[in-house]
Structure formats: C-alpha cells, structure tokens
Amino acid sequence: MPRFTAAAMLSIGLIATPALAGEPVGEYSVTGNSPGSSHRYSGTVTVDRTGDTFHVIWHIGRETYVGTGIGTSEGLAVSYRSGNLTGLAIYYPKGNNWEGVWTVAGGRTIGGESWTRR
C-alpha cells in the first residue's frame, strides 16, 4: 500500500507540474497541408509561454493566425482564429520539432502540420 501511495503522489506531481525541458516555446518554420486536400502551405510559427498557456502565432502567406495553447513537453492543443475562421490543432513532439493535425470549426476532415525549429 505505501508503494501505491508514493506512486500515486508521484503521478499527481508529474501531471500538476509544468515541464520545462522540451516545451514548444520557440520559432519554427512550418509546412502543412489543408484539411481534406493536398494543397501544401509553408510559413513560420512562434510559440511563447504566457503563464499556464502558450501564445501561438502563424504567418502563412499573407494570413496571420493567432492561437492559445495548453500542454506540456508531451503534447500541445491550440485553438486558433484568423478573422471569422476558428479551429483546433493538436501537436506532439518529434525530436526537437513538433508535428500535428488541425481542422477548422465545423470541419469534417483534418490537415497535417510540421514545425521545424529555427
């Protein structure tokens, strides 16, 4: 029983404590494809820590997308907007970079995206 209690406390501590190493904070080159199509795009993305959340800004062509993310070094979920367009993206680390999927609000298909650290 003491071993279970110690393990449970350790698990709670890991969940409640934000990870500092490997966080997504930084500047990246971004490439991806639009949901449900083979249309490719590229640009940049910047991720800053803002307390318990992350501020994410994409520059894709002439468009700017602004998002708020939550997560750790193990994963990042971001809601974003650009004008009247809103959506959701989910990323996971791949080495020093990040990969993920995204969609627009009300969407039925997903696109893929890769962030390469600059």
Protein backbone atom coordinates (compact mmCIF):
# COMPACT_ATOMS: atom_id res chain seq x y z
CA MET A 1 0.00 0.00 0.00
CA PRO A 2 2.76 2.58 0.74
CA ARG A 3 4.27 1.90 -2.67
CA PHE A 4 0.92 2.61 -4.38
CA THR A 5 0.53 5.84 -2.41
CA ALA A 6 4.02 7.03 -3.34
CA ALA A 7 3.43 6.17 -6.99
CA ALA A 8 0.08 7.96 -6.97
CA MET A 9 1.64 11.06 -5.40
CA LEU A 10 4.46 11.00 -7.96
CA SER A 11 1.93 10.75 -10.80
CA ILE A 12 -0.09 13.65 -9.43
CA GLY A 13 3.09 15.70 -9.09
CA LEU A 14 4.08 14.98 -12.69
CA ILE A 15 0.67 15.96 -14.00
CA ALA A 16 0.42 19.14 -11.94
CA THR A 17 3.96 20.36 -12.61
CA PRO A 18 4.59 22.02 -15.99
CA ALA A 19 7.52 20.52 -17.88
CA LEU A 20 10.31 22.97 -18.58
CA ALA A 21 12.56 20.91 -20.86
CA GLY A 22 11.25 20.24 -24.34
CA GLU A 23 8.42 22.77 -24.22
CA PRO A 24 7.24 24.06 -27.60
CA VAL A 25 8.43 27.63 -26.91
CA GLY A 26 10.43 28.98 -29.86
CA GLU A 27 10.41 29.96 -33.52
CA TYR A 28 9.71 27.43 -36.26
CA SER A 29 9.39 27.02 -39.99
CA VAL A 30 6.01 25.45 -40.66
CA THR A 31 4.79 23.25 -43.52
CA GLY A 32 1.49 21.53 -43.87
CA ASN A 33 -1.50 20.54 -45.94
CA SER A 34 -5.03 21.89 -45.77
CA PRO A 35 -7.80 19.64 -44.40
CA GLY A 36 -9.21 17.25 -46.97
CA SER A 37 -6.84 18.33 -49.74
CA SER A 38 -3.28 18.01 -50.96
CA HIS A 39 -2.83 21.82 -51.01
CA ARG A 40 0.54 22.49 -49.33
CA TYR A 41 1.48 25.65 -47.46
CA SER A 42 4.52 26.99 -45.60
CA GLY A 43 5.40 29.87 -43.32
CA THR A 44 6.52 30.50 -39.76
CA VAL A 45 5.10 29.93 -36.30
CA THR A 46 6.16 31.47 -32.98
CA VAL A 47 5.26 29.98 -29.59
CA ASP A 48 5.60 31.97 -26.34
CA ARG A 49 4.71 30.91 -22.80
CA THR A 50 2.01 33.08 -21.21
CA GLY A 51 1.63 31.79 -17.66
CA ASP A 52 -0.06 28.38 -17.80
CA THR A 53 -0.84 28.78 -21.51
CA PHE A 54 1.01 29.38 -24.77
CA HIS A 55 0.53 32.20 -27.28
CA VAL A 56 0.91 30.84 -30.82
CA ILE A 57 1.18 32.99 -33.97
CA TRP A 58 1.36 31.56 -37.51
CA HIS A 59 2.32 33.62 -40.57
CA ILE A 60 1.19 31.71 -43.67
CA GLY A 61 1.43 33.74 -46.86
CA ARG A 62 -0.48 36.97 -46.22
CA GLU A 63 -2.55 35.44 -43.40
CA THR A 64 -1.87 35.62 -39.67
CA TYR A 65 -3.44 33.08 -37.30
CA VAL A 66 -3.43 33.66 -33.54
CA GLY A 67 -3.95 30.88 -31.01
CA THR A 68 -3.96 29.94 -27.36
CA GLY A 69 -2.50 26.61 -26.37
CA ILE A 70 -2.34 24.35 -23.34
CA GLY A 71 0.05 21.47 -22.84
CA THR A 72 3.43 20.21 -21.76
CA SER A 73 6.55 18.78 -23.38
CA GLU A 74 4.39 15.74 -24.27
CA GLY A 75 1.70 17.50 -26.30
CA LEU A 76 0.07 20.80 -27.18
CA ALA A 77 -3.56 21.65 -28.02
CA VAL A 78 -4.21 25.04 -29.65
CA SER A 79 -7.43 26.84 -30.51
CA TYR A 80 -6.82 29.46 -33.18
CA ARG A 81 -8.50 32.19 -35.21
CA SER A 82 -7.95 34.37 -38.24
CA GLY A 83 -10.77 36.80 -38.97
CA ASN A 84 -14.01 34.77 -38.68
CA LEU A 85 -12.19 31.44 -39.10
CA THR A 86 -11.60 29.38 -35.94
CA GLY A 87 -10.20 25.93 -35.41
CA LEU A 88 -8.31 23.42 -33.30
CA ALA A 89 -4.82 21.92 -33.65
CA ILE A 90 -3.08 19.18 -31.67
CA TYR A 91 0.70 18.67 -31.74
CA TYR A 92 3.20 16.17 -30.33
CA PRO A 93 7.00 16.43 -30.10
CA LYS A 94 9.17 14.75 -32.69
CA GLY A 95 12.76 15.21 -31.54
CA ASN A 96 13.34 18.96 -31.26
CA ASN A 97 10.40 19.66 -33.61
CA TRP A 98 6.61 19.26 -33.44
CA GLU A 99 4.05 17.53 -35.66
CA GLY A 100 0.31 17.59 -35.55
CA VAL A 101 -3.13 17.72 -37.09
CA TRP A 102 -5.65 20.53 -37.36
CA THR A 103 -9.14 21.36 -38.51
CA VAL A 104 -11.50 24.32 -38.77
CA ALA A 105 -14.59 24.75 -36.58
CA GLY A 106 -17.33 22.54 -38.01
CA GLY A 107 -14.80 20.71 -40.19
CA ARG A 108 -15.11 17.04 -41.11
CA THR A 109 -11.54 16.49 -42.32
CA ILE A 110 -8.08 17.19 -40.90
CA GLY A 111 -4.84 18.59 -42.25
CA GLY A 112 -1.30 17.85 -41.16
CA GLU A 113 1.40 20.25 -40.00
CA SER A 114 5.11 20.08 -39.11
CA TRP A 115 7.12 22.66 -37.14
CA THR A 116 10.90 22.68 -37.64
CA ARG A 117 12.83 24.65 -35.02
CA ARG A 118 14.75 27.62 -36.44
